[in-house]
Amino acid sequence: MDSYWKAAMERAMKIQEVILRAMARKITWFQAAEILGFSDRHLRRMRERYQEFGYDGLFDRRRGKPSPKRVPLATVEAVLGLYREKYFDLNVRHFHEKLQGEHQIDLSYSWVKAALQGAGLVARPGNAACIADGGSDAPCRACCCTSMAAGISGCKTSAGTT
């Protein structure tokens, strides 16, 4: 149990304390579930694990294991490298299409967007108002296209800033 963090140890001690109070009938099992924020069914599972494995049964068994859905580091580096070196002038949607079509990298659009934003390669959306619309909060029609009209409209939120 050395690999568990301090918070996990404290959580297991709290669960043990509440389970022991319920076993001693100082509180009901329903009250114990409310204290821990568990459903009564989950608390019964925890009690069974505590009785079978002792204190070690109270630890979250998923902790310390990598997610099976995690994208490999090599793929992450490849995606960021492609955007940085070759496709820096594309928006996220078109870059995602290039990844799927030309490089056979099949990742979700949301993941690609979050990775590019996290690496600082793409700006996160802001709350800047469009000057062409008089500063209203409504989205500017000129901001939604990449044609020259966006640059001519005077909108400072578009790619074609004047």
C-alpha atoms as a PDB file:
ATOM      1  CA  MET A   1       0.000   0.000   0.000  1.00  0.00           C
ATOM      2  CA  ASP A   2       3.049   2.292  -0.213  1.00  0.00           C
ATOM      3  CA  SER A   3       2.080   3.585  -3.641  1.00  0.00           C
ATOM      4  CA  TYR A   4      -1.126   5.233  -2.458  1.00  0.00           C
ATOM      5  CA  TRP A   5      -1.174   8.932  -1.867  1.00  0.00           C
ATOM      6  CA  LYS A   6      -1.865  10.523   1.455  1.00  0.00           C
ATOM      7  CA  ALA A   7      -5.389  11.498   0.363  1.00  0.00           C
ATOM      8  CA  ALA A   8      -6.215   7.881  -0.489  1.00  0.00           C
ATOM      9  CA  MET A   9      -4.997   6.755   2.931  1.00  0.00           C
ATOM     10  CA  GLU A  10      -7.130   9.385   4.665  1.00  0.00           C
ATOM     11  CA  ARG A  11     -10.142   8.400   2.583  1.00  0.00           C
ATOM     12  CA  ALA A  12      -9.715   4.731   3.479  1.00  0.00           C
ATOM     13  CA  MET A  13      -9.364   5.603   7.178  1.00  0.00           C
ATOM     14  CA  LYS A  14     -12.577   7.663   7.040  1.00  0.00           C
ATOM     15  CA  ILE A  15     -14.455   4.820   5.338  1.00  0.00           C
ATOM     16  CA  GLN A  16     -13.116   2.351   7.923  1.00  0.00           C
ATOM     17  CA  GLU A  17     -14.158   4.602  10.798  1.00  0.00           C
ATOM     18  CA  VAL A  18     -17.704   5.023   9.476  1.00  0.00           C
ATOM     19  CA  ILE A  19     -18.066   1.295   8.710  1.00  0.00           C
ATOM     20  CA  LEU A  20     -16.862   0.396  12.212  1.00  0.00           C
ATOM     21  CA  ARG A  21     -19.356   2.844  13.754  1.00  0.00           C
ATOM     22  CA  ALA A  22     -22.148   1.248  11.703  1.00  0.00           C
ATOM     23  CA  MET A  23     -21.003  -2.273  12.650  1.00  0.00           C
ATOM     24  CA  ALA A  24     -21.063  -1.236  16.326  1.00  0.00           C
ATOM     25  CA  ARG A  25     -24.626   0.046  15.723  1.00  0.00           C
ATOM     26  CA  LYS A  26     -23.814   3.574  16.814  1.00  0.00           C
ATOM     27  CA  ILE A  27     -25.225   4.750  13.458  1.00  0.00           C
ATOM     28  CA  THR A  28     -27.433   3.036  10.904  1.00  0.00           C
ATOM     29  CA  TRP A  29     -26.096   1.790   7.587  1.00  0.00           C
ATOM     30  CA  PHE A  30     -28.242   4.376   5.838  1.00  0.00           C
ATOM     31  CA  GLN A  31     -26.662   7.156   7.932  1.00  0.00           C
ATOM     32  CA  ALA A  32     -23.211   5.753   7.185  1.00  0.00           C
ATOM     33  CA  ALA A  33     -23.942   5.854   3.456  1.00  0.00           C
ATOM     34  CA  GLU A  34     -25.072   9.488   3.754  1.00  0.00           C
ATOM     35  CA  ILE A  35     -21.923  10.456   5.681  1.00  0.00           C
ATOM     36  CA  LEU A  36     -19.665   8.922   3.027  1.00  0.00           C
ATOM     37  CA  GLY A  37     -21.736  10.124   0.085  1.00  0.00           C
ATOM     38  CA  PHE A  38     -22.321   6.545  -1.124  1.00  0.00           C
ATOM     39  CA  SER A  39     -25.488   4.764  -2.081  1.00  0.00           C
ATOM     40  CA  ASP A  40     -26.584   2.103   0.405  1.00  0.00           C
ATOM     41  CA  ARG A  41     -25.760  -0.595  -2.168  1.00  0.00           C
ATOM     42  CA  HIS A  42     -22.213   0.716  -2.632  1.00  0.00           C
ATOM     43  CA  LEU A  43     -21.711   0.838   1.122  1.00  0.00           C
ATOM     44  CA  ARG A  44     -22.769  -2.810   1.362  1.00  0.00           C
ATOM     45  CA  ARG A  45     -20.116  -3.628  -1.262  1.00  0.00           C
ATOM     46  CA  MET A  46     -17.523  -1.689   0.736  1.00  0.00           C
ATOM     47  CA  ARG A  47     -18.517  -3.513   3.934  1.00  0.00           C
ATOM     48  CA  GLU A  48     -18.147  -6.884   2.178  1.00  0.00           C
ATOM     49  CA  ARG A  49     -14.709  -5.897   0.854  1.00  0.00           C
ATOM     50  CA  TYR A  50     -13.697  -4.703   4.321  1.00  0.00           C
ATOM     51  CA  GLN A  51     -14.803  -7.993   5.898  1.00  0.00           C
ATOM     52  CA  GLU A  52     -13.018 -10.051   3.231  1.00  0.00           C
ATOM     53  CA  PHE A  53      -9.779  -8.089   2.705  1.00  0.00           C
ATOM     54  CA  GLY A  54      -9.581  -5.863   5.789  1.00  0.00           C
ATOM     55  CA  TYR A  55      -8.229  -2.330   5.565  1.00  0.00           C
ATOM     56  CA  ASP A  56      -6.678  -2.960   2.111  1.00  0.00           C
ATOM     57  CA  GLY A  57     -10.119  -3.674   0.674  1.00  0.00           C
ATOM     58  CA  LEU A  58     -11.166  -0.061   1.243  1.00  0.00           C
ATOM     59  CA  PHE A  59      -8.743   1.381  -1.311  1.00  0.00           C
ATOM     60  CA  ASP A  60      -9.906   2.375  -4.760  1.00  0.00           C
ATOM     61  CA  ARG A  61      -8.535  -0.438  -6.917  1.00  0.00           C
ATOM     62  CA  ARG A  62      -8.565   1.724 -10.061  1.00  0.00           C
ATOM     63  CA  ARG A  63      -5.964   4.086  -8.647  1.00  0.00           C
ATOM     64  CA  GLY A  64      -2.511   3.909 -10.130  1.00  0.00           C
ATOM     65  CA  LYS A  65      -3.675   2.198 -13.315  1.00  0.00           C
ATOM     66  CA  PRO A  66      -3.515   4.090 -16.591  1.00  0.00           C
ATOM     67  CA  SER A  67      -6.791   4.562 -18.430  1.00  0.00           C
ATOM     68  CA  PRO A  68      -7.344   2.036 -21.228  1.00  0.00           C
ATOM     69  CA  LYS A  69      -8.537   4.950 -23.401  1.00  0.00           C
ATOM     70  CA  ARG A  70      -5.366   6.979 -22.931  1.00  0.00           C
ATOM     71  CA  VAL A  71      -3.745   8.178 -26.161  1.00  0.00           C
ATOM     72  CA  PRO A  72      -0.119   6.962 -26.469  1.00  0.00           C
ATOM     73  CA  LEU A  73       2.544   9.616 -25.969  1.00  0.00           C
ATOM     74  CA  ALA A  74       3.993   8.976 -29.434  1.00  0.00           C
ATOM     75  CA  THR A  75       0.627   9.783 -31.023  1.00  0.00           C
ATOM     76  CA  VAL A  76       0.286  12.967 -28.967  1.00  0.00           C
ATOM     77  CA  GLU A  77       3.767  14.090 -30.035  1.00  0.00           C
ATOM     78  CA  ALA A  78       2.980  13.260 -33.662  1.00  0.00           C
ATOM     79  CA  VAL A  79      -0.266  15.273 -33.614  1.00  0.00           C
ATOM     80  CA  LEU A  80       1.344  18.310 -31.985  1.00  0.00           C
ATOM     81  CA  GLY A  81       4.369  18.073 -34.275  1.00  0.00           C
ATOM     82  CA  LEU A  82       2.220  17.902 -37.414  1.00  0.00           C
ATOM     83  CA  TYR A  83       0.270  20.977 -36.367  1.00  0.00           C
ATOM     84  CA  ARG A  84       3.377  22.894 -35.313  1.00  0.00           C
ATOM     85  CA  GLU A  85       5.448  22.112 -38.418  1.00  0.00           C
ATOM     86  CA  LYS A  86       3.067  21.485 -41.303  1.00  0.00           C
ATOM     87  CA  TYR A  87      -0.517  22.537 -40.578  1.00  0.00           C
ATOM     88  CA  PHE A  88      -0.061  25.653 -38.410  1.00  0.00           C
ATOM     89  CA  ASP A  89      -2.247  27.697 -40.770  1.00  0.00           C
ATOM     90  CA  LEU A  90      -5.312  25.399 -40.522  1.00  0.00           C
ATOM     91  CA  ASN A  91      -8.113  25.702 -38.020  1.00  0.00           C
ATOM     92  CA  VAL A  92      -8.872  22.774 -35.706  1.00  0.00           C
ATOM     93  CA  ARG A  93     -11.666  21.348 -37.846  1.00  0.00           C
ATOM     94  CA  HIS A  94      -9.585  21.208 -41.029  1.00  0.00           C
ATOM     95  CA  PHE A  95      -6.551  19.895 -39.121  1.00  0.00           C
ATOM     96  CA  HIS A  96      -8.708  17.108 -37.668  1.00  0.00           C
ATOM     97  CA  GLU A  97      -9.842  16.179 -41.183  1.00  0.00           C
ATOM     98  CA  LYS A  98      -6.198  16.070 -42.365  1.00  0.00           C
ATOM     99  CA  LEU A  99      -5.250  13.808 -39.452  1.00  0.00           C
ATOM    100  CA  GLN A 100      -7.945  11.326 -40.387  1.00  0.00           C
ATOM    101  CA  GLY A 101      -7.610  11.536 -44.153  1.00  0.00           C
ATOM    102  CA  GLU A 102      -3.888  11.811 -44.826  1.00  0.00           C
ATOM    103  CA  HIS A 103      -2.237  10.497 -41.659  1.00  0.00           C
ATOM    104  CA  GLN A 104      -4.726   7.803 -40.553  1.00  0.00           C
ATOM    105  CA  ILE A 105      -4.747   9.163 -36.994  1.00  0.00           C
ATOM    106  CA  ASP A 106      -8.279   8.531 -35.744  1.00  0.00           C
ATOM    107  CA  LEU A 107      -8.865  10.718 -32.695  1.00  0.00           C
ATOM    108  CA  SER A 108     -11.987  12.615 -31.720  1.00  0.00           C
ATOM    109  CA  TYR A 109     -12.328  16.254 -32.701  1.00  0.00           C
ATOM    110  CA  SER A 110     -12.775  17.205 -29.046  1.00  0.00           C
ATOM    111  CA  TRP A 111      -9.529  15.479 -28.066  1.00  0.00           C
ATOM    112  CA  VAL A 112      -7.577  17.155 -30.879  1.00  0.00           C
ATOM    113  CA  LYS A 113      -8.990  20.572 -29.978  1.00  0.00           C
ATOM    114  CA  ALA A 114      -8.224  20.127 -26.263  1.00  0.00           C
ATOM    115  CA  ALA A 115      -4.677  18.927 -27.018  1.00  0.00           C
ATOM    116  CA  LEU A 116      -3.931  21.876 -29.293  1.00  0.00           C
ATOM    117  CA  GLN A 117      -5.377  24.334 -26.773  1.00  0.00           C
ATOM    118  CA  GLY A 118      -3.496  22.694 -23.909  1.00  0.00           C
ATOM    119  CA  ALA A 119      -0.219  22.974 -25.829  1.00  0.00           C
ATOM    120  CA  GLY A 120      -0.926  26.636 -26.555  1.00  0.00           C
ATOM    121  CA  LEU A 121      -0.992  26.107 -30.322  1.00  0.00           C
ATOM    122  CA  VAL A 122      -4.620  27.221 -30.657  1.00  0.00           C
ATOM    123  CA  ALA A 123      -6.233  30.035 -28.699  1.00  0.00           C
ATOM    124  CA  ARG A 124      -9.086  29.205 -26.383  1.00  0.00           C
ATOM    125  CA  PRO A 125     -12.357  30.927 -27.279  1.00  0.00           C
ATOM    126  CA  GLY A 126     -12.755  34.320 -25.650  1.00  0.00           C
ATOM    127  CA  ASN A 127     -15.643  36.611 -24.902  1.00  0.00           C
ATOM    128  CA  ALA A 128     -14.480  39.404 -27.195  1.00  0.00           C
ATOM    129  CA  ALA A 129     -17.364  41.270 -28.780  1.00  0.00           C
ATOM    130  CA  CYS A 130     -17.342  41.932 -32.515  1.00  0.00           C
ATOM    131  CA  ILE A 131     -16.781  45.549 -33.476  1.00  0.00           C
ATOM    132  CA  ALA A 132     -18.617  45.079 -36.807  1.00  0.00           C
ATOM    133  CA  ASP A 133     -21.823  44.311 -34.883  1.00  0.00           C
ATOM    134  CA  GLY A 134     -21.432  47.331 -32.631  1.00  0.00           C
ATOM    135  CA  GLY A 135     -20.025  45.323 -29.728  1.00  0.00           C
ATOM    136  CA  SER A 136     -23.142  43.225 -29.133  1.00  0.00           C
ATOM    137  CA  ASP A 137     -22.909  39.817 -27.492  1.00  0.00           C
ATOM    138  CA  ALA A 138     -24.527  38.146 -30.511  1.00  0.00           C
ATOM    139  CA  PRO A 139     -22.096  36.267 -32.747  1.00  0.00           C
ATOM    140  CA  CYS A 140     -20.883  38.184 -35.783  1.00  0.00           C
ATOM    141  CA  ARG A 141     -21.764  36.614 -39.127  1.00  0.00           C
ATOM    142  CA  ALA A 142     -18.409  37.712 -40.490  1.00  0.00           C
ATOM    143  CA  CYS A 143     -16.565  35.684 -37.802  1.00  0.00           C
ATOM    144  CA  CYS A 144     -18.022  32.411 -39.011  1.00  0.00           C
ATOM    145  CA  CYS A 145     -16.336  32.398 -42.419  1.00  0.00           C
ATOM    146  CA  THR A 146     -12.723  32.504 -43.514  1.00  0.00           C
ATOM    147  CA  SER A 147     -13.264  34.510 -46.688  1.00  0.00           C
ATOM    148  CA  MET A 148     -11.911  37.976 -47.367  1.00  0.00           C
ATOM    149  CA  ALA A 149     -15.251  39.396 -46.248  1.00  0.00           C
ATOM    150  CA  ALA A 150     -14.254  38.631 -42.660  1.00  0.00           C
ATOM    151  CA  GLY A 151     -11.205  40.888 -42.945  1.00  0.00           C
ATOM    152  CA  ILE A 152     -13.098  43.639 -44.724  1.00  0.00           C
ATOM    153  CA  SER A 153     -15.941  43.706 -42.171  1.00  0.00           C
ATOM    154  CA  GLY A 154     -13.727  45.262 -39.510  1.00  0.00           C
ATOM    155  CA  CYS A 155     -14.281  42.459 -37.022  1.00  0.00           C
ATOM    156  CA  LYS A 156     -11.322  42.174 -34.654  1.00  0.00           C
ATOM    157  CA  THR A 157     -12.303  38.667 -33.582  1.00  0.00           C
ATOM    158  CA  SER A 158     -11.846  37.178 -37.044  1.00  0.00           C
ATOM    159  CA  ALA A 159      -8.621  35.833 -38.507  1.00  0.00           C
ATOM    160  CA  GLY A 160      -8.469  38.654 -41.053  1.00  0.00           C
ATOM    161  CA  THR A 161      -7.916  41.515 -38.580  1.00  0.00           C
ATOM    162  CA  THR A 162      -7.673  44.902 -40.274  1.00  0.00           C
END
